[in-house]
Amino acid sequence: MDIQTYSSERAKEIADLFHQSVHAIDPSVYSPELKEAWAPTPINYERWSERLNEKKPFMAVIENRVAGFIELDADGHIDCTYTHPDFQGKGVASTLFEYLLEEAKSRNIKRLYVEASLIAKPFFEHRGFSVVKKNEVQRNGASLVNFSMEKYLNPNNQIQPTTISSAD
């Protein structure tokens, strides 16, 4: 697996990957209607190309195929993390996240944050993210649930919870 920075000739492949990964989610988690609202058909390749040129995601490439991608904004926001259905369960997202983490540290980013889907929430929890709040997002006439989550990279910047002890 090779981690590469975005190049525009991969725009269509990434847009397809996004669409395929959303539509491969088990319908018991997201109904076909919710998946279509999240990742509409047909794919708007022009919009994706513009978005990717701005975001410049990191891509995991296996055998010259984009297996997954992750985005890191300058303020620590992780906007997208997706793995192609053919490569799920093979460490693609984990490898991308580790790369993103090192990149964030090198940029001196103190806090990472994400709006994680029901599917992505356990992935981020496993990597030390805490849920800040549950959200309902309106997209294309449907209400999708996601979770605002965050992780502080410098423990000195994290606000520690106050513990109240009582004598029993």
N, C-alpha and C. Protein backbone atom coordinates (compact mmCIF):
# COMPACT_ATOMS: atom_id res chain seq x y z
N MET A 1 0.86 -1.18 0.00
CA MET A 1 0.00 0.00 0.00
C MET A 1 0.90 1.23 0.00
N ASP A 2 0.58 2.16 -0.88
CA ASP A 2 1.35 3.38 -1.01
C ASP A 2 0.43 4.56 -0.69
N ILE A 3 0.85 5.44 0.20
CA ILE A 3 0.07 6.64 0.50
C ILE A 3 0.60 7.77 -0.37
N GLN A 4 -0.31 8.38 -1.11
CA GLN A 4 0.05 9.45 -2.03
C GLN A 4 -0.84 10.66 -1.78
N THR A 5 -0.32 11.83 -2.16
CA THR A 5 -1.18 13.01 -2.12
C THR A 5 -1.99 13.04 -3.42
N TYR A 6 -3.09 13.71 -3.36
CA TYR A 6 -4.06 13.76 -4.45
C TYR A 6 -3.44 14.28 -5.74
N SER A 7 -3.84 13.67 -6.84
CA SER A 7 -3.54 14.20 -8.17
C SER A 7 -4.85 14.17 -8.96
N SER A 8 -5.06 15.19 -9.76
CA SER A 8 -6.37 15.41 -10.40
C SER A 8 -6.80 14.28 -11.32
N GLU A 9 -5.86 13.50 -11.84
CA GLU A 9 -6.28 12.40 -12.71
C GLU A 9 -6.99 11.29 -11.94
N ARG A 10 -7.00 11.37 -10.61
CA ARG A 10 -7.68 10.38 -9.77
C ARG A 10 -9.08 10.85 -9.33
N ALA A 11 -9.52 12.02 -9.78
CA ALA A 11 -10.78 12.59 -9.29
C ALA A 11 -11.98 11.67 -9.53
N LYS A 12 -12.13 11.18 -10.74
CA LYS A 12 -13.27 10.31 -11.06
C LYS A 12 -13.22 9.04 -10.23
N GLU A 13 -12.03 8.47 -10.09
CA GLU A 13 -11.87 7.24 -9.32
C GLU A 13 -12.25 7.44 -7.85
N ILE A 14 -11.88 8.59 -7.28
CA ILE A 14 -12.24 8.88 -5.89
C ILE A 14 -13.74 9.12 -5.75
N ALA A 15 -14.33 9.84 -6.68
CA ALA A 15 -15.78 10.06 -6.65
C ALA A 15 -16.52 8.73 -6.73
N ASP A 16 -16.06 7.85 -7.61
CA ASP A 16 -16.67 6.52 -7.72
C ASP A 16 -16.49 5.73 -6.42
N LEU A 17 -15.30 5.80 -5.84
CA LEU A 17 -15.02 5.10 -4.58
C LEU A 17 -15.99 5.58 -3.49
N PHE A 18 -16.16 6.88 -3.36
CA PHE A 18 -17.09 7.44 -2.37
C PHE A 18 -18.49 6.86 -2.58
N HIS A 19 -18.98 6.94 -3.81
CA HIS A 19 -20.32 6.48 -4.12
C HIS A 19 -20.47 4.99 -3.83
N GLN A 20 -19.51 4.20 -4.27
CA GLN A 20 -19.58 2.75 -4.06
C GLN A 20 -19.50 2.39 -2.58
N SER A 21 -18.65 3.08 -1.82
CA SER A 21 -18.52 2.74 -0.40
C SER A 21 -19.79 3.09 0.38
N VAL A 22 -20.42 4.20 0.06
CA VAL A 22 -21.67 4.55 0.73
C VAL A 22 -22.77 3.55 0.37
N HIS A 23 -22.88 3.23 -0.90
CA HIS A 23 -23.95 2.34 -1.35
C HIS A 23 -23.71 0.88 -0.95
N ALA A 24 -22.50 0.55 -0.49
CA ALA A 24 -22.21 -0.81 -0.02
C ALA A 24 -22.55 -1.00 1.46
N ILE A 25 -22.91 0.07 2.16
CA ILE A 25 -23.25 -0.04 3.58
C ILE A 25 -24.50 -0.89 3.73
N ASP A 26 -24.49 -1.75 4.72
CA ASP A 26 -25.62 -2.64 4.99
C ASP A 26 -26.90 -1.83 5.13
N PRO A 27 -27.98 -2.24 4.44
CA PRO A 27 -29.24 -1.48 4.51
C PRO A 27 -29.88 -1.48 5.90
N SER A 28 -29.42 -2.33 6.80
CA SER A 28 -29.94 -2.29 8.17
C SER A 28 -29.38 -1.08 8.92
N VAL A 29 -28.27 -0.52 8.42
CA VAL A 29 -27.66 0.67 9.04
C VAL A 29 -28.20 1.94 8.39
N TYR A 30 -28.13 1.98 7.07
CA TYR A 30 -28.66 3.11 6.30
C TYR A 30 -29.54 2.54 5.18
N SER A 31 -30.76 3.02 5.10
CA SER A 31 -31.68 2.55 4.06
C SER A 31 -31.18 2.99 2.69
N PRO A 32 -31.67 2.33 1.63
CA PRO A 32 -31.30 2.78 0.27
C PRO A 32 -31.61 4.26 0.04
N GLU A 33 -32.70 4.74 0.61
CA GLU A 33 -33.08 6.16 0.45
C GLU A 33 -32.06 7.08 1.13
N LEU A 34 -31.60 6.69 2.32
CA LEU A 34 -30.60 7.50 3.02
C LEU A 34 -29.26 7.48 2.29
N LYS A 35 -28.88 6.31 1.77
CA LYS A 35 -27.61 6.21 1.03
C LYS A 35 -27.67 7.05 -0.24
N GLU A 36 -28.83 7.08 -0.89
CA GLU A 36 -28.97 7.89 -2.10
C GLU A 36 -28.91 9.38 -1.77
N ALA A 37 -29.46 9.76 -0.62
CA ALA A 37 -29.39 11.17 -0.19
C ALA A 37 -27.94 11.55 0.12
N TRP A 38 -27.19 10.63 0.69
CA TRP A 38 -25.80 10.86 1.08
C TRP A 38 -24.88 10.89 -0.15
N ALA A 39 -25.11 9.94 -1.06
CA ALA A 39 -24.27 9.80 -2.25
C ALA A 39 -25.17 9.65 -3.47
N PRO A 40 -25.68 10.77 -3.98
CA PRO A 40 -26.66 10.73 -5.07
C PRO A 40 -26.13 10.11 -6.37
N THR A 41 -27.07 9.48 -7.07
CA THR A 41 -26.82 8.96 -8.40
C THR A 41 -27.60 9.83 -9.38
N PRO A 42 -27.03 10.29 -10.48
CA PRO A 42 -25.66 10.07 -10.91
C PRO A 42 -24.66 10.92 -10.12
N ILE A 43 -23.42 10.50 -10.17
CA ILE A 43 -22.34 11.22 -9.48
C ILE A 43 -22.06 12.53 -10.21
N ASN A 44 -21.93 13.60 -9.45
CA ASN A 44 -21.59 14.90 -10.02
C ASN A 44 -20.06 15.02 -10.06
N TYR A 45 -19.47 14.53 -11.15
CA TYR A 45 -18.00 14.48 -11.25
C TYR A 45 -17.37 15.87 -11.26
N GLU A 46 -18.05 16.84 -11.85
CA GLU A 46 -17.50 18.20 -11.87
C GLU A 46 -17.37 18.76 -10.45
N ARG A 47 -18.42 18.57 -9.66
CA ARG A 47 -18.39 19.03 -8.27
C ARG A 47 -17.30 18.30 -7.48
N TRP A 48 -17.19 16.99 -7.69
CA TRP A 48 -16.16 16.23 -7.00
C TRP A 48 -14.76 16.70 -7.39
N SER A 49 -14.55 16.97 -8.66
CA SER A 49 -13.25 17.43 -9.12
C SER A 49 -12.87 18.75 -8.45
N GLU A 50 -13.82 19.68 -8.40
CA GLU A 50 -13.57 20.96 -7.72
C GLU A 50 -13.26 20.76 -6.25
N ARG A 51 -14.05 19.90 -5.59
CA ARG A 51 -13.88 19.64 -4.17
C ARG A 51 -12.52 19.03 -3.89
N LEU A 52 -12.15 18.02 -4.67
CA LEU A 52 -10.88 17.33 -4.45
C LEU A 52 -9.68 18.22 -4.75
N ASN A 53 -9.80 19.09 -5.74
CA ASN A 53 -8.72 20.04 -6.01
C ASN A 53 -8.50 20.99 -4.84
N GLU A 54 -9.57 21.27 -4.12
CA GLU A 54 -9.46 22.13 -2.94
C GLU A 54 -8.95 21.34 -1.72
N LYS A 55 -9.50 20.17 -1.50
CA LYS A 55 -9.20 19.37 -0.30
C LYS A 55 -7.85 18.65 -0.36
N LYS A 56 -7.46 18.20 -1.54
CA LYS A 56 -6.22 17.46 -1.74
C LYS A 56 -6.06 16.30 -0.74
N PRO A 57 -6.93 15.30 -0.83
CA PRO A 57 -6.87 14.19 0.13
C PRO A 57 -5.61 13.34 -0.02
N PHE A 58 -5.33 12.58 1.02
CA PHE A 58 -4.32 11.54 0.97
C PHE A 58 -5.01 10.29 0.44
N MET A 59 -4.33 9.58 -0.45
CA MET A 59 -4.92 8.39 -1.07
C MET A 59 -4.08 7.17 -0.74
N ALA A 60 -4.74 6.07 -0.45
CA ALA A 60 -4.07 4.77 -0.34
C ALA A 60 -4.20 4.10 -1.69
N VAL A 61 -3.07 3.75 -2.28
CA VAL A 61 -3.07 3.14 -3.61
C VAL A 61 -2.51 1.72 -3.49
N ILE A 62 -3.29 0.77 -3.99
CA ILE A 62 -2.88 -0.64 -4.02
C ILE A 62 -3.04 -1.13 -5.45
N GLU A 63 -1.94 -1.66 -6.01
CA GLU A 63 -1.96 -2.15 -7.39
C GLU A 63 -2.56 -1.13 -8.35
N ASN A 64 -2.13 0.10 -8.21
CA ASN A 64 -2.54 1.23 -9.04
C ASN A 64 -4.04 1.54 -8.96
N ARG A 65 -4.71 1.12 -7.88
CA ARG A 65 -6.11 1.48 -7.63
C ARG A 65 -6.18 2.28 -6.34
N VAL A 66 -7.04 3.30 -6.33
CA VAL A 66 -7.27 4.03 -5.09
C VAL A 66 -8.13 3.14 -4.20
N ALA A 67 -7.54 2.71 -3.08
CA ALA A 67 -8.23 1.81 -2.15
C ALA A 67 -8.99 2.60 -1.09
N GLY A 68 -8.58 3.85 -0.87
CA GLY A 68 -9.24 4.68 0.12
C GLY A 68 -8.66 6.08 0.09
N PHE A 69 -9.35 6.99 0.78
CA PHE A 69 -8.85 8.36 0.87
C PHE A 69 -9.30 8.98 2.18
N ILE A 70 -8.54 9.98 2.61
CA ILE A 70 -8.83 10.72 3.84
C ILE A 70 -8.43 12.16 3.61
N GLU A 71 -9.19 13.07 4.21
CA GLU A 71 -8.92 14.51 4.04
C GLU A 71 -8.57 15.14 5.38
N LEU A 72 -7.61 16.05 5.34
CA LEU A 72 -7.22 16.82 6.53
C LEU A 72 -7.21 18.29 6.17
N ASP A 73 -8.13 19.05 6.78
CA ASP A 73 -8.15 20.50 6.59
C ASP A 73 -7.11 21.14 7.50
N ALA A 74 -6.75 22.37 7.20
CA ALA A 74 -5.71 23.08 7.95
C ALA A 74 -6.05 23.23 9.43
N ASP A 75 -7.35 23.26 9.76
CA ASP A 75 -7.75 23.43 11.16
C ASP A 75 -7.92 22.11 11.92
N GLY A 76 -7.56 20.98 11.28
CA GLY A 76 -7.67 19.69 11.95
C GLY A 76 -8.95 18.93 11.63
N HIS A 77 -9.77 19.48 10.77
CA HIS A 77 -11.03 18.81 10.40
C HIS A 77 -10.74 17.66 9.43
N ILE A 78 -11.25 16.48 9.75
CA ILE A 78 -11.20 15.33 8.85
C ILE A 78 -12.57 15.28 8.18
N ASP A 79 -12.61 15.67 6.91
CA ASP A 79 -13.90 15.81 6.24
C ASP A 79 -14.39 14.48 5.67
N CYS A 80 -13.52 13.70 5.09
CA CYS A 80 -13.91 12.42 4.49
C CYS A 80 -12.88 11.35 4.84
N THR A 81 -13.36 10.16 5.12
CA THR A 81 -12.54 8.96 5.28
C THR A 81 -13.34 7.81 4.67
N TYR A 82 -12.91 7.31 3.54
CA TYR A 82 -13.64 6.26 2.84
C TYR A 82 -12.68 5.21 2.30
N THR A 83 -13.13 3.97 2.36
CA THR A 83 -12.39 2.83 1.81
C THR A 83 -13.27 2.14 0.77
N HIS A 84 -12.68 1.81 -0.35
CA HIS A 84 -13.40 1.10 -1.41
C HIS A 84 -13.87 -0.26 -0.86
N PRO A 85 -15.10 -0.68 -1.20
CA PRO A 85 -15.60 -1.98 -0.69
C PRO A 85 -14.66 -3.16 -0.96
N ASP A 86 -13.93 -3.13 -2.08
CA ASP A 86 -13.00 -4.24 -2.39
C ASP A 86 -11.82 -4.31 -1.41
N PHE A 87 -11.57 -3.23 -0.68
CA PHE A 87 -10.39 -3.18 0.18
C PHE A 87 -10.72 -3.04 1.67
N GLN A 88 -12.00 -3.11 2.01
CA GLN A 88 -12.37 -2.97 3.42
C GLN A 88 -11.86 -4.15 4.23
N GLY A 89 -11.46 -3.87 5.47
CA GLY A 89 -10.94 -4.91 6.35
C GLY A 89 -9.48 -5.25 6.09
N LYS A 90 -8.78 -4.43 5.30
CA LYS A 90 -7.38 -4.71 4.95
C LYS A 90 -6.44 -3.65 5.49
N GLY A 91 -6.91 -2.84 6.43
CA GLY A 91 -6.04 -1.85 7.06
C GLY A 91 -5.88 -0.55 6.29
N VAL A 92 -6.69 -0.34 5.26
CA VAL A 92 -6.56 0.87 4.45
C VAL A 92 -6.86 2.12 5.28
N ALA A 93 -8.01 2.16 5.92
CA ALA A 93 -8.38 3.34 6.72
C ALA A 93 -7.41 3.55 7.87
N SER A 94 -6.97 2.48 8.50
CA SER A 94 -6.01 2.60 9.61
C SER A 94 -4.69 3.18 9.13
N THR A 95 -4.21 2.72 7.99
CA THR A 95 -2.96 3.23 7.43
C THR A 95 -3.11 4.70 7.05
N LEU A 96 -4.22 5.03 6.42
CA LEU A 96 -4.48 6.44 6.06
C LEU A 96 -4.54 7.31 7.30
N PHE A 97 -5.22 6.82 8.36
CA PHE A 97 -5.33 7.62 9.57
C PHE A 97 -3.96 7.83 10.21
N GLU A 98 -3.14 6.80 10.26
CA GLU A 98 -1.79 6.95 10.84
C GLU A 98 -0.97 7.97 10.06
N TYR A 99 -1.11 7.96 8.74
CA TYR A 99 -0.42 8.94 7.90
C TYR A 99 -0.94 10.34 8.22
N LEU A 100 -2.26 10.48 8.29
CA LEU A 100 -2.88 11.77 8.61
C LEU A 100 -2.41 12.27 9.98
N LEU A 101 -2.33 11.37 10.96
CA LEU A 101 -1.91 11.73 12.31
C LEU A 101 -0.49 12.31 12.30
N GLU A 102 0.41 11.66 11.59
CA GLU A 102 1.79 12.16 11.49
C GLU A 102 1.82 13.51 10.77
N GLU A 103 1.02 13.63 9.74
CA GLU A 103 0.94 14.91 9.00
C GLU A 103 0.41 16.02 9.91
N ALA A 104 -0.63 15.71 10.68
CA ALA A 104 -1.21 16.70 11.60
C ALA A 104 -0.17 17.15 12.63
N LYS A 105 0.58 16.21 13.16
CA LYS A 105 1.62 16.55 14.15
C LYS A 105 2.69 17.42 13.50
N SER A 106 3.08 17.08 12.26
CA SER A 106 4.12 17.87 11.59
C SER A 106 3.63 19.29 11.28
N ARG A 107 2.32 19.45 11.14
CA ARG A 107 1.74 20.79 10.90
C ARG A 107 1.40 21.50 12.21
N ASN A 108 1.72 20.85 13.32
CA ASN A 108 1.44 21.40 14.65
C ASN A 108 -0.05 21.61 14.91
N ILE A 109 -0.86 20.72 14.37
CA ILE A 109 -2.30 20.76 14.62
C ILE A 109 -2.53 20.13 15.99
N LYS A 110 -3.26 20.81 16.84
CA LYS A 110 -3.46 20.36 18.22
C LYS A 110 -4.70 19.50 18.40
N ARG A 111 -5.70 19.68 17.52
CA ARG A 111 -6.98 18.99 17.69
C ARG A 111 -7.49 18.51 16.35
N LEU A 112 -7.86 17.25 16.30
CA LEU A 112 -8.53 16.69 15.13
C LEU A 112 -10.01 16.58 15.45
N TYR A 113 -10.85 16.83 14.46
CA TYR A 113 -12.28 16.66 14.67
C TYR A 113 -12.94 16.17 13.39
N VAL A 114 -14.08 15.50 13.58
CA VAL A 114 -14.74 14.82 12.47
C VAL A 114 -16.23 14.74 12.76
N GLU A 115 -17.03 14.67 11.72
CA GLU A 115 -18.44 14.33 11.84
C GLU A 115 -18.54 12.90 11.31
N ALA A 116 -18.58 11.94 12.22
CA ALA A 116 -18.51 10.52 11.86
C ALA A 116 -19.90 9.92 11.68
N SER A 117 -20.05 9.13 10.64
CA SER A 117 -21.29 8.40 10.41
C SER A 117 -21.43 7.29 11.45
N LEU A 118 -22.57 6.63 11.44
CA LEU A 118 -22.76 5.48 12.33
C LEU A 118 -21.70 4.42 12.06
N ILE A 119 -21.30 4.27 10.80
CA ILE A 119 -20.29 3.28 10.41
C ILE A 119 -18.90 3.71 10.87
N ALA A 120 -18.58 4.99 10.76
CA ALA A 120 -17.23 5.48 11.08
C ALA A 120 -17.01 5.73 12.57
N LYS A 121 -18.07 5.90 13.33
CA LYS A 121 -17.95 6.23 14.76
C LYS A 121 -17.05 5.25 15.51
N PRO A 122 -17.25 3.93 15.41
CA PRO A 122 -16.36 3.02 16.14
C PRO A 122 -14.90 3.12 15.71
N PHE A 123 -14.66 3.37 14.43
CA PHE A 123 -13.29 3.53 13.92
C PHE A 123 -12.60 4.67 14.66
N PHE A 124 -13.27 5.81 14.77
CA PHE A 124 -12.66 6.96 15.44
C PHE A 124 -12.59 6.78 16.96
N GLU A 125 -13.60 6.17 17.54
CA GLU A 125 -13.54 5.89 18.98
C GLU A 125 -12.33 5.03 19.31
N HIS A 126 -12.07 4.05 18.50
CA HIS A 126 -10.93 3.13 18.70
C HIS A 126 -9.60 3.88 18.63
N ARG A 127 -9.59 5.03 17.99
CA ARG A 127 -8.38 5.83 17.85
C ARG A 127 -8.35 7.02 18.80
N GLY A 128 -9.18 6.96 19.85
CA GLY A 128 -9.10 7.96 20.91
C GLY A 128 -9.97 9.18 20.75
N PHE A 129 -10.87 9.18 19.77
CA PHE A 129 -11.79 10.31 19.60
C PHE A 129 -12.93 10.17 20.60
N SER A 130 -13.40 11.30 21.09
CA SER A 130 -14.55 11.35 22.00
C SER A 130 -15.73 11.97 21.27
N VAL A 131 -16.92 11.49 21.57
CA VAL A 131 -18.13 12.06 21.00
C VAL A 131 -18.44 13.36 21.71
N VAL A 132 -18.61 14.42 20.94
CA VAL A 132 -18.99 15.72 21.48
C VAL A 132 -20.51 15.85 21.46
N LYS A 133 -21.13 15.45 20.33
CA LYS A 133 -22.59 15.49 20.23
C LYS A 133 -23.06 14.67 19.04
N LYS A 134 -24.32 14.29 19.11
CA LYS A 134 -24.99 13.59 18.01
C LYS A 134 -25.68 14.65 17.15
N ASN A 135 -25.61 14.49 15.84
CA ASN A 135 -26.19 15.45 14.91
C ASN A 135 -27.21 14.78 13.99
N GLU A 136 -28.18 15.55 13.55
CA GLU A 136 -29.06 15.14 12.46
C GLU A 136 -28.83 16.14 11.34
N VAL A 137 -28.37 15.64 10.22
CA VAL A 137 -28.02 16.49 9.08
C VAL A 137 -29.04 16.27 7.97
N GLN A 138 -29.57 17.36 7.44
CA GLN A 138 -30.50 17.27 6.31
C GLN A 138 -29.69 17.27 5.02
N ARG A 139 -29.89 16.24 4.23
CA ARG A 139 -29.19 16.18 2.95
C ARG A 139 -30.13 15.62 1.90
N ASN A 140 -30.35 16.40 0.87
CA ASN A 140 -31.19 15.97 -0.25
C ASN A 140 -32.53 15.42 0.22
N GLY A 141 -33.14 16.10 1.18
CA GLY A 141 -34.48 15.74 1.64
C GLY A 141 -34.53 14.62 2.67
N ALA A 142 -33.37 14.16 3.13
CA ALA A 142 -33.35 13.08 4.12
C ALA A 142 -32.59 13.54 5.36
N SER A 143 -32.87 12.90 6.48
CA SER A 143 -32.22 13.22 7.74
C SER A 143 -31.21 12.12 8.07
N LEU A 144 -29.93 12.47 8.05
CA LEU A 144 -28.84 11.53 8.34
C LEU A 144 -28.26 11.82 9.72
N VAL A 145 -27.93 10.77 10.44
CA VAL A 145 -27.32 10.91 11.77
C VAL A 145 -25.81 10.81 11.63
N ASN A 146 -25.10 11.72 12.30
CA ASN A 146 -23.66 11.57 12.46
C ASN A 146 -23.26 12.10 13.83
N PHE A 147 -21.98 11.99 14.14
CA PHE A 147 -21.49 12.35 15.47
C PHE A 147 -20.30 13.28 15.35
N SER A 148 -20.38 14.44 16.03
CA SER A 148 -19.22 15.32 16.13
C SER A 148 -18.28 14.68 17.13
N MET A 149 -17.03 14.45 16.70
CA MET A 149 -16.04 13.79 17.55
C MET A 149 -14.74 14.58 17.49
N GLU A 150 -13.93 14.45 18.53
CA GLU A 150 -12.66 15.17 18.55
C GLU A 150 -11.60 14.37 19.28
N LYS A 151 -10.36 14.71 18.96
CA LYS A 151 -9.19 14.10 19.61
C LYS A 151 -8.13 15.18 19.71
N TYR A 152 -7.59 15.35 20.91
CA TYR A 152 -6.51 16.30 21.11
C TYR A 152 -5.18 15.58 20.94
N LEU A 153 -4.29 16.19 20.17
CA LEU A 153 -2.99 15.58 19.89
C LEU A 153 -1.96 15.91 20.94
N ASN A 154 -2.15 17.03 21.61
CA ASN A 154 -1.24 17.42 22.69
C ASN A 154 -2.03 17.33 23.98
N PRO A 155 -1.73 16.32 24.83
CA PRO A 155 -2.52 16.15 26.06
C PRO A 155 -2.57 17.40 26.93
N ASN A 156 -1.59 18.27 26.82
CA ASN A 156 -1.59 19.49 27.63
C ASN A 156 -2.69 20.46 27.22
N ASN A 157 -3.20 20.31 25.99
CA ASN A 157 -4.26 21.19 25.50
C ASN A 157 -5.65 20.66 25.82
N GLN A 158 -5.73 19.40 26.22
CA GLN A 158 -7.04 18.81 26.46
C GLN A 158 -7.56 19.23 27.83
N ILE A 159 -8.81 19.60 27.84
CA ILE A 159 -9.46 19.94 29.12
C ILE A 159 -9.80 18.64 29.80
N GLN A 160 -9.26 18.48 30.98
CA GLN A 160 -9.51 17.25 31.72
C GLN A 160 -10.84 17.35 32.47
N PRO A 161 -11.63 16.26 32.45
CA PRO A 161 -12.88 16.28 33.18
C PRO A 161 -12.64 16.39 34.69
N THR A 162 -13.53 17.08 35.34
CA THR A 162 -13.44 17.22 36.78
C THR A 162 -14.03 15.98 37.43
N THR A 163 -13.30 15.42 38.37
CA THR A 163 -13.80 14.25 39.09
C THR A 163 -14.27 14.67 40.46
N ILE A 164 -15.46 14.29 40.78
CA ILE A 164 -16.00 14.59 42.11
C ILE A 164 -16.08 13.28 42.88
N SER A 165 -15.39 13.25 43.98
CA SER A 165 -15.43 12.03 44.78
C SER A 165 -16.28 12.27 46.02
N SER A 166 -16.91 11.23 46.44
CA SER A 166 -17.74 11.36 47.66
C SER A 166 -17.39 10.21 48.58
N ALA A 167 -17.44 10.47 49.83
CA ALA A 167 -17.18 9.43 50.83
C ALA A 167 -18.45 8.62 51.01
N ASP A 168 -18.33 7.32 50.87
CA ASP A 168 -19.49 6.45 51.05
C ASP A 168 -19.55 5.93 52.46
